[in-house]
Amino acid sequence: MRERDRSVRPRRTTKLRVVEDFAAPPERVFALVQSEAGFLDAMPPGVEVLQWPERFGRGEVLDLRWGAAGVFPVRWTAVIDAYEEGRSFSDLQVRGPFRYWRHTHTVEPHGSGTRHTDLVEISTGLGPAGDLAAAVGVRGAFGPRLERMHAALAGGRT
C-alpha cells in the first residue's frame, strides 16, 4: 500500500483556534514561539528535539520525538510551509501521528501587548468523532502551554 502524501489537505478537516493575549511586545512573543528553548519550555516532558532550524523560514524542518519516558515514542517531522517575519508561520506535519496537521502561529499588536493566535487544522483519518476527540485533547494541552509561555515572557526568558 502506498503511503499518502500528508502535505495534501483532505477534503474535511477540523479547525481549532486558540487566542491568548500577552503583556509583552510582538517581537518577544514571536521570538519565543519560534525558539527551540521556548518550544521545549512550553511542551510537556518527553519531547525531544532532533532537528531545529537555526533560523526560521519557508522549507525549514522541525524534527521531534514525543513519548513520556521513552514509552511509545512518536517521530514528528514538520516543514515550515509559510513564514512572515515577525508575524506568523505555519508548520505542516509530513511525518507523525495525524493524517493531516497544520499549525499556524500568528502574533499581532493588541493594546499594550500582543495577541497570539494558534490555528490548528487536523484530520485523524478516523472521521468526525476521531477528529473531535483529537481536537479536545489538543485543546487540553494548550492551557499548560500558554501558562508556561506567560511565565517565560514574564521571567524574561526570550
Protein backbone atom coordinates (compact mmCIF):
# COMPACT_ATOMS: atom_id res chain seq x y z
CA MET A 1 0.00 0.00 0.00
CA ARG A 2 1.36 3.41 -0.99
CA GLU A 3 1.80 5.98 1.77
CA ARG A 4 -0.42 9.03 1.49
CA ASP A 5 1.16 12.46 0.98
CA ARG A 6 0.47 14.18 4.32
CA SER A 7 1.07 17.62 2.87
CA VAL A 8 -2.14 17.34 0.84
CA ARG A 9 -5.08 18.78 2.75
CA PRO A 10 -8.00 16.33 2.98
CA ARG A 11 -11.47 17.49 1.94
CA ARG A 12 -12.60 17.60 5.56
CA THR A 13 -10.53 18.84 8.49
CA THR A 14 -11.26 20.08 11.98
CA LYS A 15 -10.03 23.54 12.98
CA LEU A 16 -9.10 24.60 16.48
CA ARG A 17 -8.40 28.28 17.20
CA VAL A 18 -6.81 29.38 20.48
CA VAL A 19 -6.32 33.10 21.13
CA GLU A 20 -4.26 34.44 24.03
CA ASP A 21 -3.12 37.94 24.99
CA PHE A 22 0.37 38.50 26.40
CA ALA A 23 1.80 41.50 28.26
CA ALA A 24 4.88 41.57 26.02
CA PRO A 25 5.70 43.16 22.66
CA PRO A 26 5.03 41.14 19.48
CA GLU A 27 8.73 40.67 18.69
CA ARG A 28 9.30 38.91 22.06
CA VAL A 29 6.27 36.66 21.65
CA PHE A 30 7.29 35.78 18.08
CA ALA A 31 10.86 35.06 19.19
CA LEU A 32 9.53 32.79 21.93
CA VAL A 33 7.26 30.70 19.69
CA GLN A 34 9.99 30.06 17.14
CA SER A 35 12.85 29.37 19.56
CA GLU A 36 13.85 25.83 20.45
CA ALA A 37 14.14 26.75 24.14
CA GLY A 38 10.70 28.40 24.09
CA PHE A 39 9.21 25.37 22.35
CA LEU A 40 10.70 22.91 24.84
CA ASP A 41 9.73 25.10 27.79
CA ALA A 42 6.11 25.18 26.59
CA MET A 43 5.87 21.43 25.95
CA PRO A 44 5.20 18.63 28.42
CA PRO A 45 8.06 16.35 29.49
CA GLY A 46 9.05 13.70 26.98
CA VAL A 47 9.52 15.90 23.91
CA GLU A 48 12.96 15.68 22.32
CA VAL A 49 14.19 17.95 19.53
CA LEU A 50 16.16 16.03 16.91
CA GLN A 51 16.45 18.93 14.45
CA TRP A 52 15.57 22.62 14.82
CA PRO A 53 16.36 25.34 12.29
CA GLU A 54 18.95 27.95 13.19
CA ARG A 55 16.73 30.49 11.50
CA PHE A 56 13.06 30.01 10.66
CA GLY A 57 11.93 30.29 7.07
CA ARG A 58 9.90 28.51 4.44
CA GLY A 59 11.19 24.98 3.86
CA GLU A 60 12.97 24.60 7.21
CA VAL A 61 12.43 21.33 9.09
CA LEU A 62 11.40 20.63 12.68
CA ASP A 63 12.11 17.03 13.69
CA LEU A 64 10.83 15.85 17.07
CA ARG A 65 10.34 12.72 19.13
CA TRP A 66 7.44 12.57 21.58
CA GLY A 67 6.97 9.99 24.31
CA ALA A 68 6.95 10.12 28.09
CA ALA A 69 10.00 8.30 29.46
CA GLY A 70 10.68 6.86 26.01
CA VAL A 71 7.47 4.81 26.10
CA PHE A 72 5.82 4.56 22.66
CA PRO A 73 7.94 7.33 21.14
CA VAL A 74 6.42 9.01 18.10
CA ARG A 75 8.54 10.72 15.47
CA TRP A 76 7.04 14.01 14.31
CA THR A 77 8.53 15.88 11.37
CA ALA A 78 7.12 19.19 10.19
CA VAL A 79 8.11 21.64 7.48
CA ILE A 80 7.66 25.40 7.73
CA ASP A 81 5.37 25.96 4.75
CA ALA A 82 4.55 29.64 5.33
CA TYR A 83 6.59 32.34 7.05
CA GLU A 84 6.18 36.07 7.55
CA GLU A 85 8.98 37.56 9.66
CA GLY A 86 7.77 38.91 12.98
CA ARG A 87 4.14 38.00 12.31
CA SER A 88 3.34 34.35 11.51
CA PHE A 89 4.50 30.93 10.47
CA SER A 90 2.86 27.59 9.75
CA ASP A 91 4.28 24.15 10.36
CA LEU A 92 2.92 21.27 8.28
CA GLN A 93 3.35 17.71 9.55
CA VAL A 94 4.97 15.48 6.94
CA ARG A 95 5.55 12.57 9.33
CA GLY A 96 3.65 11.91 12.52
CA PRO A 97 0.50 10.63 14.17
CA PHE A 98 -2.08 12.67 12.26
CA ARG A 99 -3.40 12.15 8.76
CA TYR A 100 -3.04 15.93 8.41
CA TRP A 101 -1.76 18.63 10.78
CA ARG A 102 -1.07 22.25 10.01
CA HIS A 103 -0.40 24.70 12.85
CA THR A 104 -0.31 28.43 12.19
CA HIS A 105 1.09 30.78 14.83
CA THR A 106 0.22 34.47 14.43
CA VAL A 107 1.23 37.44 16.60
CA GLU A 108 -0.16 40.95 16.33
CA PRO A 109 -0.07 44.07 18.48
CA HIS A 110 -3.03 44.27 20.83
CA GLY A 111 -3.40 47.12 23.30
CA SER A 112 -0.09 47.48 25.11
CA GLY A 113 0.85 43.85 24.44
CA THR A 114 0.39 41.07 21.91
CA ARG A 115 -2.39 38.82 20.74
CA HIS A 116 -1.13 35.35 19.82
CA THR A 117 -3.40 33.08 17.78
CA ASP A 118 -2.86 29.37 17.23
CA LEU A 119 -4.88 27.86 14.40
CA VAL A 120 -4.57 24.09 14.22
CA GLU A 121 -6.13 22.24 11.31
CA ILE A 122 -6.24 18.47 11.77
CA SER A 123 -7.54 15.25 10.35
CA THR A 124 -7.02 11.94 12.11
CA GLY A 125 -8.41 9.81 9.32
CA LEU A 126 -10.87 8.42 11.88
CA GLY A 127 -13.85 10.53 10.83
CA PRO A 128 -15.60 13.37 12.67
CA ALA A 129 -15.63 11.58 16.04
CA GLY A 130 -11.88 10.88 15.84
CA ASP A 131 -11.15 14.46 14.84
CA LEU A 132 -13.31 15.82 17.67
CA ALA A 133 -11.54 13.61 20.22
CA ALA A 134 -8.15 14.75 18.91
CA ALA A 135 -9.22 18.43 18.97
CA VAL A 136 -10.36 18.08 22.60
CA GLY A 137 -7.01 16.52 23.51
CA VAL A 138 -5.03 19.18 21.66
CA ARG A 139 -7.10 21.96 23.25
CA GLY A 140 -6.41 20.49 26.69
CA ALA A 141 -2.67 20.68 26.03
CA PHE A 142 -2.87 24.39 25.19
CA GLY A 143 -3.78 25.50 28.75
CA PRO A 144 -0.49 24.41 30.36
CA ARG A 145 1.45 25.52 27.26
CA LEU A 146 0.03 29.04 27.46
CA GLU A 147 0.74 29.24 31.21
CA ARG A 148 4.39 28.32 30.55
CA MET A 149 4.57 30.90 27.75
CA HIS A 150 3.25 33.61 30.11
CA ALA A 151 5.84 32.58 32.72
CA ALA A 152 8.69 32.62 30.18
CA LEU A 153 7.74 36.09 28.94
CA ALA A 154 7.28 37.45 32.48
CA GLY A 155 10.63 35.99 33.50
CA GLY A 156 12.43 37.49 30.51
CA ARG A 157 13.41 34.09 29.10
CA THR A 158 13.17 35.22 25.46
